[in-house]
Amino acid sequence: MVHVVVHSHRHSNKKEELVYLDFQGSFDVGDQLQLDNLEIGDLTLQDDSAVLIIGHHRLVGKKVKLPKPLAVIHKRRTDLDMLEEQDGVCYDVVTILKEKYVFPNRPGLIVQESLRGLARIGK
């Protein structure tokens, strides 16, 4: 038998501040097979907007309210009864998300200031 316990956000062991980012499209990571802890760019959050810089590309997003709150849950195993040797499962509510940042447009190209206005390069 598997026991499941869900802790409320107030009593959760792991409280983290998370941000929900909603992109239109996909990211090309090339030959990168391992995606854990992969840095994709620099994110700047302002009052009601967000800016993500990836290489020479700039994405601008805006904050919108979610229609329904979203719970982020972390699953972990616990030993509930040492005598019966049964493992239980415990779920911690990490945070409740009520808003997200939506990036609806294609990325804009960032050009160095010294290269702006050049019609031809290489002649």
PDB file of N, CA and C in Angstrom:
ATOM      1  N   MET A   1       0.841  -1.176   0.000  1.00  0.00           N
ATOM      2  CA  MET A   1       0.000   0.000   0.000  1.00  0.00           C
ATOM      3  C   MET A   1       0.890   1.245   0.000  1.00  0.00           C
ATOM      4  N   VAL A   2       0.556   2.212  -0.819  1.00  0.00           N
ATOM      5  CA  VAL A   2       1.304   3.469  -0.890  1.00  0.00           C
ATOM      6  C   VAL A   2       0.486   4.553  -0.204  1.00  0.00           C
ATOM      7  N   HIS A   3       1.117   5.238   0.725  1.00  0.00           N
ATOM      8  CA  HIS A   3       0.459   6.333   1.433  1.00  0.00           C
ATOM      9  C   HIS A   3       0.842   7.653   0.775  1.00  0.00           C
ATOM     10  N   VAL A   4      -0.105   8.526   0.622  1.00  0.00           N
ATOM     11  CA  VAL A   4       0.140   9.822   0.006  1.00  0.00           C
ATOM     12  C   VAL A   4      -0.269  10.914   0.978  1.00  0.00           C
ATOM     13  N   VAL A   5       0.645  11.860   1.190  1.00  0.00           N
ATOM     14  CA  VAL A   5       0.375  13.002   2.062  1.00  0.00           C
ATOM     15  C   VAL A   5       0.634  14.260   1.252  1.00  0.00           C
ATOM     16  N   VAL A   6      -0.292  15.199   1.253  1.00  0.00           N
ATOM     17  CA  VAL A   6      -0.109  16.484   0.577  1.00  0.00           C
ATOM     18  C   VAL A   6      -0.081  17.569   1.635  1.00  0.00           C
ATOM     19  N   HIS A   7       1.055  18.255   1.736  1.00  0.00           N
ATOM     20  CA  HIS A   7       1.190  19.350   2.694  1.00  0.00           C
ATOM     21  C   HIS A   7       0.689  20.643   2.062  1.00  0.00           C
ATOM     22  N   SER A   8       0.104  21.490   2.860  1.00  0.00           N
ATOM     23  CA  SER A   8      -0.331  22.780   2.344  1.00  0.00           C
ATOM     24  C   SER A   8       0.886  23.674   2.141  1.00  0.00           C
ATOM     25  N   HIS A   9       0.693  24.733   1.379  1.00  0.00           N
ATOM     26  CA  HIS A   9       1.788  25.661   1.077  1.00  0.00           C
ATOM     27  C   HIS A   9       2.394  26.244   2.350  1.00  0.00           C
ATOM     28  N   ARG A  10       1.580  26.531   3.339  1.00  0.00           N
ATOM     29  CA  ARG A  10       2.080  27.112   4.589  1.00  0.00           C
ATOM     30  C   ARG A  10       3.000  26.159   5.339  1.00  0.00           C
ATOM     31  N   HIS A  11       2.718  24.866   5.270  1.00  0.00           N
ATOM     32  CA  HIS A  11       3.480  23.883   6.026  1.00  0.00           C
ATOM     33  C   HIS A  11       4.514  23.151   5.176  1.00  0.00           C
ATOM     34  N   SER A  12       4.715  23.584   3.959  1.00  0.00           N
ATOM     35  CA  SER A  12       5.633  22.907   3.051  1.00  0.00           C
ATOM     36  C   SER A  12       7.079  23.046   3.525  1.00  0.00           C
ATOM     37  N   ASN A  13       7.872  22.002   3.296  1.00  0.00           N
ATOM     38  CA  ASN A  13       9.288  22.032   3.664  1.00  0.00           C
ATOM     39  C   ASN A  13      10.113  22.856   2.692  1.00  0.00           C
ATOM     40  N   LYS A  14       9.714  22.891   1.440  1.00  0.00           N
ATOM     41  CA  LYS A  14      10.480  23.605   0.421  1.00  0.00           C
ATOM     42  C   LYS A  14       9.635  24.744  -0.126  1.00  0.00           C
ATOM     43  N   LYS A  15       9.988  25.956   0.221  1.00  0.00           N
ATOM     44  CA  LYS A  15       9.298  27.114  -0.335  1.00  0.00           C
ATOM     45  C   LYS A  15      10.265  27.814  -1.276  1.00  0.00           C
ATOM     46  N   GLU A  16       9.889  27.879  -2.517  1.00  0.00           N
ATOM     47  CA  GLU A  16      10.719  28.508  -3.523  1.00  0.00           C
ATOM     48  C   GLU A  16       9.880  29.533  -4.269  1.00  0.00           C
ATOM     49  N   GLU A  17      10.554  30.547  -4.767  1.00  0.00           N
ATOM     50  CA  GLU A  17       9.865  31.527  -5.592  1.00  0.00           C
ATOM     51  C   GLU A  17      10.043  31.106  -7.038  1.00  0.00           C
ATOM     52  N   LEU A  18       8.955  30.793  -7.689  1.00  0.00           N
ATOM     53  CA  LEU A  18       8.988  30.336  -9.071  1.00  0.00           C
ATOM     54  C   LEU A  18       8.226  31.308  -9.949  1.00  0.00           C
ATOM     55  N   VAL A  19       8.605  31.346 -11.220  1.00  0.00           N
ATOM     56  CA  VAL A  19       7.958  32.205 -12.203  1.00  0.00           C
ATOM     57  C   VAL A  19       7.537  31.323 -13.374  1.00  0.00           C
ATOM     58  N   TYR A  20       6.327  31.514 -13.845  1.00  0.00           N
ATOM     59  CA  TYR A  20       5.794  30.759 -14.974  1.00  0.00           C
ATOM     60  C   TYR A  20       6.018  31.594 -16.229  1.00  0.00           C
ATOM     61  N   LEU A  21       6.816  31.068 -17.175  1.00  0.00           N
ATOM     62  CA  LEU A  21       7.096  31.739 -18.436  1.00  0.00           C
ATOM     63  C   LEU A  21       6.423  30.958 -19.557  1.00  0.00           C
ATOM     64  N   ASP A  22       5.642  31.648 -20.390  1.00  0.00           N
ATOM     65  CA  ASP A  22       4.889  31.016 -21.472  1.00  0.00           C
ATOM     66  C   ASP A  22       5.427  31.529 -22.806  1.00  0.00           C
ATOM     67  N   PHE A  23       6.085  30.643 -23.571  1.00  0.00           N
ATOM     68  CA  PHE A  23       6.676  31.018 -24.854  1.00  0.00           C
ATOM     69  C   PHE A  23       5.849  30.445 -25.994  1.00  0.00           C
ATOM     70  N   GLN A  24       5.814  31.155 -27.111  1.00  0.00           N
ATOM     71  CA  GLN A  24       5.171  30.684 -28.327  1.00  0.00           C
ATOM     72  C   GLN A  24       6.284  30.146 -29.217  1.00  0.00           C
ATOM     73  N   GLY A  25       6.306  28.856 -29.454  1.00  0.00           N
ATOM     74  CA  GLY A  25       7.366  28.263 -30.267  1.00  0.00           C
ATOM     75  C   GLY A  25       8.226  27.337 -29.431  1.00  0.00           C
ATOM     76  N   SER A  26       9.453  27.121 -29.878  1.00  0.00           N
ATOM     77  CA  SER A  26      10.348  26.199 -29.179  1.00  0.00           C
ATOM     78  C   SER A  26      11.772  26.743 -29.194  1.00  0.00           C
ATOM     79  N   PHE A  27      12.616  26.142 -28.373  1.00  0.00           N
ATOM     80  CA  PHE A  27      14.026  26.506 -28.297  1.00  0.00           C
ATOM     81  C   PHE A  27      14.850  25.426 -28.984  1.00  0.00           C
ATOM     82  N   ASP A  28      15.834  25.847 -29.775  1.00  0.00           N
ATOM     83  CA  ASP A  28      16.747  24.906 -30.417  1.00  0.00           C
ATOM     84  C   ASP A  28      18.016  24.859 -29.580  1.00  0.00           C
ATOM     85  N   VAL A  29      18.289  23.711 -28.982  1.00  0.00           N
ATOM     86  CA  VAL A  29      19.470  23.575 -28.121  1.00  0.00           C
ATOM     87  C   VAL A  29      20.603  22.851 -28.834  1.00  0.00           C
ATOM     88  N   GLY A  30      20.479  22.631 -30.125  1.00  0.00           N
ATOM     89  CA  GLY A  30      21.540  21.999 -30.900  1.00  0.00           C
ATOM     90  C   GLY A  30      21.755  20.554 -30.494  1.00  0.00           C
ATOM     91  N   ASP A  31      23.020  20.189 -30.288  1.00  0.00           N
ATOM     92  CA  ASP A  31      23.374  18.815 -29.929  1.00  0.00           C
ATOM     93  C   ASP A  31      23.371  18.579 -28.431  1.00  0.00           C
ATOM     94  N   GLN A  32      22.911  19.541 -27.664  1.00  0.00           N
ATOM     95  CA  GLN A  32      22.895  19.438 -26.195  1.00  0.00           C
ATOM     96  C   GLN A  32      21.923  18.345 -25.770  1.00  0.00           C
ATOM     97  N   LEU A  33      22.441  17.286 -25.163  1.00  0.00           N
ATOM     98  CA  LEU A  33      21.587  16.186 -24.720  1.00  0.00           C
ATOM     99  C   LEU A  33      21.106  16.372 -23.291  1.00  0.00           C
ATOM    100  N   GLN A  34      21.939  16.945 -22.449  1.00  0.00           N
ATOM    101  CA  GLN A  34      21.604  17.144 -21.035  1.00  0.00           C
ATOM    102  C   GLN A  34      20.988  18.529 -20.875  1.00  0.00           C
ATOM    103  N   LEU A  35      19.716  18.595 -20.481  1.00  0.00           N
ATOM    104  CA  LEU A  35      19.026  19.874 -20.355  1.00  0.00           C
ATOM    105  C   LEU A  35      18.920  20.358 -18.915  1.00  0.00           C
ATOM    106  N   ASP A  36      19.332  19.540 -17.933  1.00  0.00           N
ATOM    107  CA  ASP A  36      19.289  19.963 -16.536  1.00  0.00           C
ATOM    108  C   ASP A  36      20.251  21.126 -16.318  1.00  0.00           C
ATOM    109  N   ASN A  37      19.774  22.167 -15.659  1.00  0.00           N
ATOM    110  CA  ASN A  37      20.567  23.359 -15.330  1.00  0.00           C
ATOM    111  C   ASN A  37      21.150  24.041 -16.560  1.00  0.00           C
ATOM    112  N   LEU A  38      20.500  23.922 -17.694  1.00  0.00           N
ATOM    113  CA  LEU A  38      20.944  24.574 -18.918  1.00  0.00           C
ATOM    114  C   LEU A  38      20.530  26.040 -18.875  1.00  0.00           C
ATOM    115  N   GLU A  39      21.499  26.936 -18.984  1.00  0.00           N
ATOM    116  CA  GLU A  39      21.193  28.373 -18.995  1.00  0.00           C
ATOM    117  C   GLU A  39      20.763  28.767 -20.396  1.00  0.00           C
ATOM    118  N   ILE A  40      19.621  29.447 -20.478  1.00  0.00           N
ATOM    119  CA  ILE A  40      19.143  29.852 -21.797  1.00  0.00           C
ATOM    120  C   ILE A  40      19.296  31.341 -22.045  1.00  0.00           C
ATOM    121  N   GLY A  41      19.524  32.135 -21.018  1.00  0.00           N
ATOM    122  CA  GLY A  41      19.677  33.566 -21.219  1.00  0.00           C
ATOM    123  C   GLY A  41      19.540  34.339 -19.931  1.00  0.00           C
ATOM    124  N   ASP A  42      19.435  35.661 -20.069  1.00  0.00           N
ATOM    125  CA  ASP A  42      19.291  36.560 -18.925  1.00  0.00           C
ATOM    126  C   ASP A  42      17.860  37.083 -18.874  1.00  0.00           C
ATOM    127  N   LEU A  43      17.197  36.856 -17.750  1.00  0.00           N
ATOM    128  CA  LEU A  43      15.807  37.271 -17.569  1.00  0.00           C
ATOM    129  C   LEU A  43      15.747  38.457 -16.625  1.00  0.00           C
ATOM    130  N   THR A  44      15.059  39.511 -17.044  1.00  0.00           N
ATOM    131  CA  THR A  44      14.840  40.693 -16.217  1.00  0.00           C
ATOM    132  C   THR A  44      13.337  40.867 -16.027  1.00  0.00           C
ATOM    133  N   LEU A  45      12.901  40.827 -14.772  1.00  0.00           N
ATOM    134  CA  LEU A  45      11.486  41.013 -14.454  1.00  0.00           C
ATOM    135  C   LEU A  45      11.274  42.423 -13.941  1.00  0.00           C
ATOM    136  N   GLN A  46      10.307  43.123 -14.538  1.00  0.00           N
ATOM    137  CA  GLN A  46       9.949  44.458 -14.093  1.00  0.00           C
ATOM    138  C   GLN A  46       8.529  44.399 -13.562  1.00  0.00           C
ATOM    139  N   ASP A  47       7.882  45.529 -13.370  1.00  0.00           N
ATOM    140  CA  ASP A  47       6.544  45.546 -12.778  1.00  0.00           C
ATOM    141  C   ASP A  47       5.579  44.597 -13.482  1.00  0.00           C
ATOM    142  N   ASP A  48       5.228  44.891 -14.702  1.00  0.00           N
ATOM    143  CA  ASP A  48       4.271  44.067 -15.442  1.00  0.00           C
ATOM    144  C   ASP A  48       4.852  43.521 -16.735  1.00  0.00           C
ATOM    145  N   SER A  49       6.180  43.489 -16.837  1.00  0.00           N
ATOM    146  CA  SER A  49       6.804  42.994 -18.055  1.00  0.00           C
ATOM    147  C   SER A  49       8.067  42.208 -17.727  1.00  0.00           C
ATOM    148  N   ALA A  50       8.540  41.475 -18.721  1.00  0.00           N
ATOM    149  CA  ALA A  50       9.759  40.692 -18.590  1.00  0.00           C
ATOM    150  C   ALA A  50      10.540  40.799 -19.892  1.00  0.00           C
ATOM    151  N   VAL A  51      11.866  40.789 -19.771  1.00  0.00           N
ATOM    152  CA  VAL A  51      12.738  40.819 -20.940  1.00  0.00           C
ATOM    153  C   VAL A  51      13.707  39.652 -20.816  1.00  0.00           C
ATOM    154  N   LEU A  52      13.787  38.843 -21.868  1.00  0.00           N
ATOM    155  CA  LEU A  52      14.702  37.708 -21.904  1.00  0.00           C
ATOM    156  C   LEU A  52      15.679  37.924 -23.049  1.00  0.00           C
ATOM    157  N   ILE A  53      16.975  37.943 -22.720  1.00  0.00           N
ATOM    158  CA  ILE A  53      18.031  38.099 -23.717  1.00  0.00           C
ATOM    159  C   ILE A  53      18.689  36.735 -23.894  1.00  0.00           C
ATOM    160  N   ILE A  54      18.654  36.219 -25.125  1.00  0.00           N
ATOM    161  CA  ILE A  54      19.307  34.957 -25.466  1.00  0.00           C
ATOM    162  C   ILE A  54      20.274  35.245 -26.607  1.00  0.00           C
ATOM    163  N   GLY A  55      21.556  35.300 -26.285  1.00  0.00           N
ATOM    164  CA  GLY A  55      22.552  35.618 -27.306  1.00  0.00           C
ATOM    165  C   GLY A  55      22.313  37.009 -27.865  1.00  0.00           C
ATOM    166  N   HIS A  56      22.017  37.092 -29.173  1.00  0.00           N
ATOM    167  CA  HIS A  56      21.741  38.378 -29.824  1.00  0.00           C
ATOM    168  C   HIS A  56      20.248  38.586 -30.053  1.00  0.00           C
ATOM    169  N   HIS A  57      19.421  37.868 -29.309  1.00  0.00           N
ATOM    170  CA  HIS A  57      17.974  37.964 -29.473  1.00  0.00           C
ATOM    171  C   HIS A  57      17.329  38.459 -28.192  1.00  0.00           C
ATOM    172  N   ARG A  58      16.274  39.256 -28.361  1.00  0.00           N
ATOM    173  CA  ARG A  58      15.560  39.851 -27.223  1.00  0.00           C
ATOM    174  C   ARG A  58      14.081  39.514 -27.335  1.00  0.00           C
ATOM    175  N   LEU A  59      13.544  38.935 -26.256  1.00  0.00           N
ATOM    176  CA  LEU A  59      12.113  38.631 -26.186  1.00  0.00           C
ATOM    177  C   LEU A  59      11.488  39.492 -25.106  1.00  0.00           C
ATOM    178  N   VAL A  60      10.318  40.051 -25.398  1.00  0.00           N
ATOM    179  CA  VAL A  60       9.610  40.897 -24.438  1.00  0.00           C
ATOM    180  C   VAL A  60       8.283  40.220 -24.096  1.00  0.00           C
ATOM    181  N   GLY A  61       8.034  40.090 -22.805  1.00  0.00           N
ATOM    182  CA  GLY A  61       6.803  39.461 -22.347  1.00  0.00           C
ATOM    183  C   GLY A  61       6.027  40.370 -21.420  1.00  0.00           C
ATOM    184  N   LYS A  62       4.766  40.021 -21.189  1.00  0.00           N
ATOM    185  CA  LYS A  62       3.942  40.808 -20.274  1.00  0.00           C
ATOM    186  C   LYS A  62       3.303  39.883 -19.248  1.00  0.00           C
ATOM    187  N   LYS A  63       3.022  40.422 -18.076  1.00  0.00           N
ATOM    188  CA  LYS A  63       2.422  39.651 -16.989  1.00  0.00           C
ATOM    189  C   LYS A  63       0.916  39.581 -17.188  1.00  0.00           C
ATOM    190  N   VAL A  64       0.374  38.362 -17.099  1.00  0.00           N
ATOM    191  CA  VAL A  64      -1.071  38.166 -17.187  1.00  0.00           C
ATOM    192  C   VAL A  64      -1.508  37.265 -16.039  1.00  0.00           C
ATOM    193  N   LYS A  65      -2.745  37.440 -15.625  1.00  0.00           N
ATOM    194  CA  LYS A  65      -3.298  36.631 -14.537  1.00  0.00           C
ATOM    195  C   LYS A  65      -3.769  35.291 -15.097  1.00  0.00           C
ATOM    196  N   LEU A  66      -3.482  34.214 -14.379  1.00  0.00           N
ATOM    197  CA  LEU A  66      -3.953  32.891 -14.790  1.00  0.00           C
ATOM    198  C   LEU A  66      -5.452  32.773 -14.528  1.00  0.00           C
ATOM    199  N   PRO A  67      -6.209  32.096 -15.399  1.00  0.00           N
ATOM    200  CA  PRO A  67      -7.642  31.925 -15.163  1.00  0.00           C
ATOM    201  C   PRO A  67      -7.921  31.158 -13.870  1.00  0.00           C
ATOM    202  N   LYS A  68      -7.064  30.170 -13.570  1.00  0.00           N
ATOM    203  CA  LYS A  68      -7.168  29.403 -12.324  1.00  0.00           C
ATOM    204  C   LYS A  68      -5.768  29.292 -11.728  1.00  0.00           C
ATOM    205  N   PRO A  69      -5.635  29.387 -10.415  1.00  0.00           N
ATOM    206  CA  PRO A  69      -4.306  29.228  -9.803  1.00  0.00           C
ATOM    207  C   PRO A  69      -3.729  27.842 -10.105  1.00  0.00           C
ATOM    208  N   LEU A  70      -2.410  27.787 -10.183  1.00  0.00           N
ATOM    209  CA  LEU A  70      -1.703  26.555 -10.510  1.00  0.00           C
ATOM    210  C   LEU A  70      -0.785  26.182  -9.353  1.00  0.00           C
ATOM    211  N   ALA A  71      -0.927  24.977  -8.830  1.00  0.00           N
ATOM    212  CA  ALA A  71      -0.073  24.508  -7.736  1.00  0.00           C
ATOM    213  C   ALA A  71       1.138  23.790  -8.319  1.00  0.00           C
ATOM    214  N   VAL A  72       2.319  24.131  -7.816  1.00  0.00           N
ATOM    215  CA  VAL A  72       3.549  23.433  -8.184  1.00  0.00           C
ATOM    216  C   VAL A  72       3.855  22.475  -7.044  1.00  0.00           C
ATOM    217  N   ILE A  73       3.935  21.194  -7.372  1.00  0.00           N
ATOM    218  CA  ILE A  73       4.049  20.154  -6.349  1.00  0.00           C
ATOM    219  C   ILE A  73       5.339  19.365  -6.541  1.00  0.00           C
ATOM    220  N   HIS A  74       6.026  19.066  -5.428  1.00  0.00           N
ATOM    221  CA  HIS A  74       7.256  18.273  -5.436  1.00  0.00           C
ATOM    222  C   HIS A  74       6.980  16.933  -4.764  1.00  0.00           C
ATOM    223  N   LYS A  75       7.324  15.848  -5.441  1.00  0.00           N
ATOM    224  CA  LYS A  75       7.085  14.507  -4.910  1.00  0.00           C
ATOM    225  C   LYS A  75       8.351  14.002  -4.220  1.00  0.00           C
ATOM    226  N   ARG A  76       8.184  13.401  -3.033  1.00  0.00           N
ATOM    227  CA  ARG A  76       9.326  12.799  -2.338  1.00  0.00           C
ATOM    228  C   ARG A  76       8.873  11.538  -1.623  1.00  0.00           C
ATOM    229  N   ARG A  77       9.808  10.631  -1.446  1.00  0.00           N
ATOM    230  CA  ARG A  77       9.536   9.360  -0.761  1.00  0.00           C
ATOM    231  C   ARG A  77       9.844   9.500   0.720  1.00  0.00           C
ATOM    232  N   THR A  78       9.044   8.824   1.552  1.00  0.00           N
ATOM    233  CA  THR A  78       9.263   8.834   3.000  1.00  0.00           C
ATOM    234  C   THR A  78       9.112   7.421   3.537  1.00  0.00           C
ATOM    235  N   ASP A  79       9.771   7.143   4.654  1.00  0.00           N
ATOM    236  CA  ASP A  79       9.590   5.876   5.365  1.00  0.00           C
ATOM    237  C   ASP A  79       8.513   6.097   6.409  1.00  0.00           C
ATOM    238  N   LEU A  80       7.333   5.527   6.190  1.00  0.00           N
ATOM    239  CA  LEU A  80       6.233   5.716   7.131  1.00  0.00           C
ATOM    240  C   LEU A  80       6.260   4.692   8.259  1.00  0.00           C
ATOM    241  N   ASP A  81       6.585   3.468   7.924  1.00  0.00           N
ATOM    242  CA  ASP A  81       6.543   2.422   8.934  1.00  0.00           C
ATOM    243  C   ASP A  81       7.773   1.535   8.769  1.00  0.00           C
ATOM    244  N   MET A  82       8.742   1.656   9.667  1.00  0.00           N
ATOM    245  CA  MET A  82       9.986   0.903   9.571  1.00  0.00           C
ATOM    246  C   MET A  82       9.741  -0.600   9.746  1.00  0.00           C
ATOM    247  N   LEU A  83       8.749  -0.992  10.549  1.00  0.00           N
ATOM    248  CA  LEU A  83       8.508  -2.411  10.820  1.00  0.00           C
ATOM    249  C   LEU A  83       7.914  -3.122   9.607  1.00  0.00           C
ATOM    250  N   GLU A  84       7.025  -2.461   8.897  1.00  0.00           N
ATOM    251  CA  GLU A  84       6.381  -3.094   7.750  1.00  0.00           C
ATOM    252  C   GLU A  84       7.169  -2.902   6.465  1.00  0.00           C
ATOM    253  N   GLU A  85       8.221  -2.107   6.512  1.00  0.00           N
ATOM    254  CA  GLU A  85       9.082  -1.832   5.363  1.00  0.00           C
ATOM    255  C   GLU A  85       8.285  -1.314   4.166  1.00  0.00           C
ATOM    256  N   GLN A  86       7.381  -0.403   4.421  1.00  0.00           N
ATOM    257  CA  GLN A  86       6.612   0.211   3.346  1.00  0.00           C
ATOM    258  C   GLN A  86       7.116   1.624   3.131  1.00  0.00           C
ATOM    259  N   ASP A  87       7.251   1.981   1.895  1.00  0.00           N
ATOM    260  CA  ASP A  87       7.626   3.352   1.561  1.00  0.00           C
ATOM    261  C   ASP A  87       6.372   4.146   1.244  1.00  0.00           C
ATOM    262  N   GLY A  88       6.322   5.352   1.740  1.00  0.00           N
ATOM    263  CA  GLY A  88       5.211   6.234   1.442  1.00  0.00           C
ATOM    264  C   GLY A  88       5.655   7.323   0.489  1.00  0.00           C
ATOM    265  N   VAL A  89       4.700   8.028  -0.029  1.00  0.00           N
ATOM    266  CA  VAL A  89       4.977   9.142  -0.919  1.00  0.00           C
ATOM    267  C   VAL A  89       4.396  10.382  -0.291  1.00  0.00           C
ATOM    268  N   CYS A  90       5.167  11.449  -0.307  1.00  0.00           N
ATOM    269  CA  CYS A  90       4.722  12.713   0.260  1.00  0.00           C
ATOM    270  C   CYS A  90       4.824  13.775  -0.824  1.00  0.00           C
ATOM    271  N   TYR A  91       3.826  14.610  -0.931  1.00  0.00           N
ATOM    272  CA  TYR A  91       3.826  15.694  -1.907  1.00  0.00           C
ATOM    273  C   TYR A  91       3.861  17.013  -1.158  1.00  0.00           C
ATOM    274  N   ASP A  92       4.823  17.857  -1.505  1.00  0.00           N
ATOM    275  CA  ASP A  92       4.908  19.196  -0.934  1.00  0.00           C
ATOM    276  C   ASP A  92       4.434  20.204  -1.966  1.00  0.00           C
ATOM    277  N   VAL A  93       3.556  21.098  -1.567  1.00  0.00           N
ATOM    278  CA  VAL A  93       3.155  22.199  -2.439  1.00  0.00           C
ATOM    279  C   VAL A  93       4.246  23.252  -2.337  1.00  0.00           C
ATOM    280  N   VAL A  94       4.995  23.422  -3.420  1.00  0.00           N
ATOM    281  CA  VAL A  94       6.123  24.345  -3.429  1.00  0.00           C
ATOM    282  C   VAL A  94       5.631  25.780  -3.454  1.00  0.00           C
ATOM    283  N   THR A  95       4.701  26.066  -4.334  1.00  0.00           N
ATOM    284  CA  THR A  95       4.141  27.417  -4.429  1.00  0.00           C
ATOM    285  C   THR A  95       2.819  27.356  -5.188  1.00  0.00           C
ATOM    286  N   ILE A  96       2.072  28.429  -5.100  1.00  0.00           N
ATOM    287  CA  ILE A  96       0.834  28.593  -5.868  1.00  0.00           C
ATOM    288  C   ILE A  96       1.071  29.740  -6.842  1.00  0.00           C
ATOM    289  N   LEU A  97       0.969  29.444  -8.126  1.00  0.00           N
ATOM    290  CA  LEU A  97       1.165  30.468  -9.153  1.00  0.00           C
ATOM    291  C   LEU A  97      -0.184  31.060  -9.530  1.00  0.00           C
ATOM    292  N   LYS A  98      -0.262  32.394  -9.539  1.00  0.00           N
ATOM    293  CA  LYS A  98      -1.501  33.083  -9.898  1.00  0.00           C
ATOM    294  C   LYS A  98      -1.344  33.930 -11.151  1.00  0.00           C
ATOM    295  N   GLU A  99      -0.106  34.047 -11.637  1.00  0.00           N
ATOM    296  CA  GLU A  99       0.148  34.845 -12.837  1.00  0.00           C
ATOM    297  C   GLU A  99       1.308  34.239 -13.604  1.00  0.00           C
ATOM    298  N   LYS A 100       1.423  34.646 -14.863  1.00  0.00           N
ATOM    299  CA  LYS A 100       2.506  34.168 -15.708  1.00  0.00           C
ATOM    300  C   LYS A 100       2.966  35.300 -16.612  1.00  0.00           C
ATOM    301  N   TYR A 101       4.134  35.121 -17.204  1.00  0.00           N
ATOM    302  CA  TYR A 101       4.656  36.062 -18.181  1.00  0.00           C
ATOM    303  C   TYR A 101       4.528  35.410 -19.553  1.00  0.00           C
ATOM    304  N   VAL A 102       3.829  36.078 -20.459  1.00  0.00           N
ATOM    305  CA  VAL A 102       3.592  35.559 -21.802  1.00  0.00           C
ATOM    306  C   VAL A 102       4.491  36.301 -22.780  1.00  0.00           C
ATOM    307  N   PHE A 103       5.206  35.531 -23.608  1.00  0.00           N
ATOM    308  CA  PHE A 103       6.066  36.082 -24.648  1.00  0.00           C
ATOM    309  C   PHE A 103       5.423  35.740 -25.990  1.00  0.00           C
ATOM    310  N   PRO A 104       4.508  36.607 -26.502  1.00  0.00           N
ATOM    311  CA  PRO A 104       3.711  36.242 -27.674  1.00  0.00           C
ATOM    312  C   PRO A 104       4.399  36.460 -29.020  1.00  0.00           C
ATOM    313  N   ASN A 105       5.457  37.256 -29.055  1.00  0.00           N
ATOM    314  CA  ASN A 105       6.054  37.641 -30.331  1.00  0.00           C
ATOM    315  C   ASN A 105       7.374  36.926 -30.586  1.00  0.00           C
ATOM    316  N   ARG A 106       7.796  36.989 -31.841  1.00  0.00           N
ATOM    317  CA  ARG A 106       9.095  36.430 -32.223  1.00  0.00           C
ATOM    318  C   ARG A 106      10.207  37.287 -31.620  1.00  0.00           C
ATOM    319  N   PRO A 107      11.380  36.703 -31.424  1.00  0.00           N
ATOM    320  CA  PRO A 107      12.480  37.480 -30.841  1.00  0.00           C
ATOM    321  C   PRO A 107      12.965  38.573 -31.785  1.00  0.00           C
ATOM    322  N   GLY A 108      13.376  39.698 -31.191  1.00  0.00           N
ATOM    323  CA  GLY A 108      13.964  40.787 -31.952  1.00  0.00           C
ATOM    324  C   GLY A 108      15.477  40.668 -31.923  1.00  0.00           C
ATOM    325  N   LEU A 109      16.118  41.042 -33.011  1.00  0.00           N
ATOM    326  CA  LEU A 109      17.568  40.950 -33.119  1.00  0.00           C
ATOM    327  C   LEU A 109      18.218  42.161 -32.464  1.00  0.00           C
ATOM    328  N   ILE A 110      19.216  41.913 -31.636  1.00  0.00           N
ATOM    329  CA  ILE A 110      19.973  42.990 -31.000  1.00  0.00           C
ATOM    330  C   ILE A 110      21.223  43.223 -31.836  1.00  0.00           C
ATOM    331  N   VAL A 111      21.407  44.447 -32.312  1.00  0.00           N
ATOM    332  CA  VAL A 111      22.563  44.804 -33.132  1.00  0.00           C
ATOM    333  C   VAL A 111      23.425  45.781 -32.349  1.00  0.00           C
ATOM    334  N   GLN A 112      24.758  45.566 -32.400  1.00  0.00           N
ATOM    335  CA  GLN A 112      25.666  46.483 -31.715  1.00  0.00           C
ATOM    336  C   GLN A 112      25.455  47.896 -32.229  1.00  0.00           C
ATOM    337  N   GLU A 113      25.589  48.865 -31.328  1.00  0.00           N
ATOM    338  CA  GLU A 113      25.359  50.255 -31.704  1.00  0.00           C
ATOM    339  C   GLU A 113      26.314  50.701 -32.802  1.00  0.00           C
ATOM    340  N   SER A 114      27.552  50.212 -32.809  1.00  0.00           N
ATOM    341  CA  SER A 114      28.529  50.611 -33.823  1.00  0.00           C
ATOM    342  C   SER A 114      28.181  50.069 -35.206  1.00  0.00           C
ATOM    343  N   LEU A 115      27.341  49.044 -35.289  1.00  0.00           N
ATOM    344  CA  LEU A 115      26.974  48.452 -36.576  1.00  0.00           C
ATOM    345  C   LEU A 115      25.615  48.912 -37.083  1.00  0.00           C
ATOM    346  N   ARG A 116      24.898  49.714 -36.323  1.00  0.00           N
ATOM    347  CA  ARG A 116      23.566  50.158 -36.739  1.00  0.00           C
ATOM    348  C   ARG A 116      23.658  51.117 -37.921  1.00  0.00           C
ATOM    349  N   GLY A 117      22.755  50.951 -38.863  1.00  0.00           N
ATOM    350  CA  GLY A 117      22.699  51.840 -40.013  1.00  0.00           C
ATOM    351  C   GLY A 117      23.578  51.403 -41.165  1.00  0.00           C
ATOM    352  N   LEU A 118      24.361  50.356 -41.016  1.00  0.00           N
ATOM    353  CA  LEU A 118      25.202  49.886 -42.111  1.00  0.00           C
ATOM    354  C   LEU A 118      24.349  49.117 -43.111  1.00  0.00           C
ATOM    355  N   ALA A 119      24.400  49.525 -44.370  1.00  0.00           N
ATOM    356  CA  ALA A 119      23.617  48.851 -45.397  1.00  0.00           C
ATOM    357  C   ALA A 119      24.346  47.617 -45.915  1.00  0.00           C
ATOM    358  N   ARG A 120      25.673  47.719 -46.034  1.00  0.00           N
ATOM    359  CA  ARG A 120      26.447  46.595 -46.562  1.00  0.00           C
ATOM    360  C   ARG A 120      27.616  46.316 -45.635  1.00  0.00           C
ATOM    361  N   ILE A 121      27.847  45.074 -45.406  1.00  0.00           N
ATOM    362  CA  ILE A 121      28.991  44.670 -44.594  1.00  0.00           C
ATOM    363  C   ILE A 121      29.869  43.774 -45.454  1.00  0.00           C
ATOM    364  N   GLY A 122      31.171  44.060 -45.471  1.00  0.00           N
ATOM    365  CA  GLY A 122      32.105  43.203 -46.193  1.00  0.00           C
ATOM    366  C   GLY A 122      32.571  43.755 -47.519  1.00  0.00           C
ATOM    367  N   LYS A 123      32.219  44.968 -47.902  1.00  0.00           N
ATOM    368  CA  LYS A 123      32.709  45.544 -49.161  1.00  0.00           C
ATOM    369  C   LYS A 123      33.792  46.534 -48.914  1.00  0.00           C
TER     370      LYS A 123
END
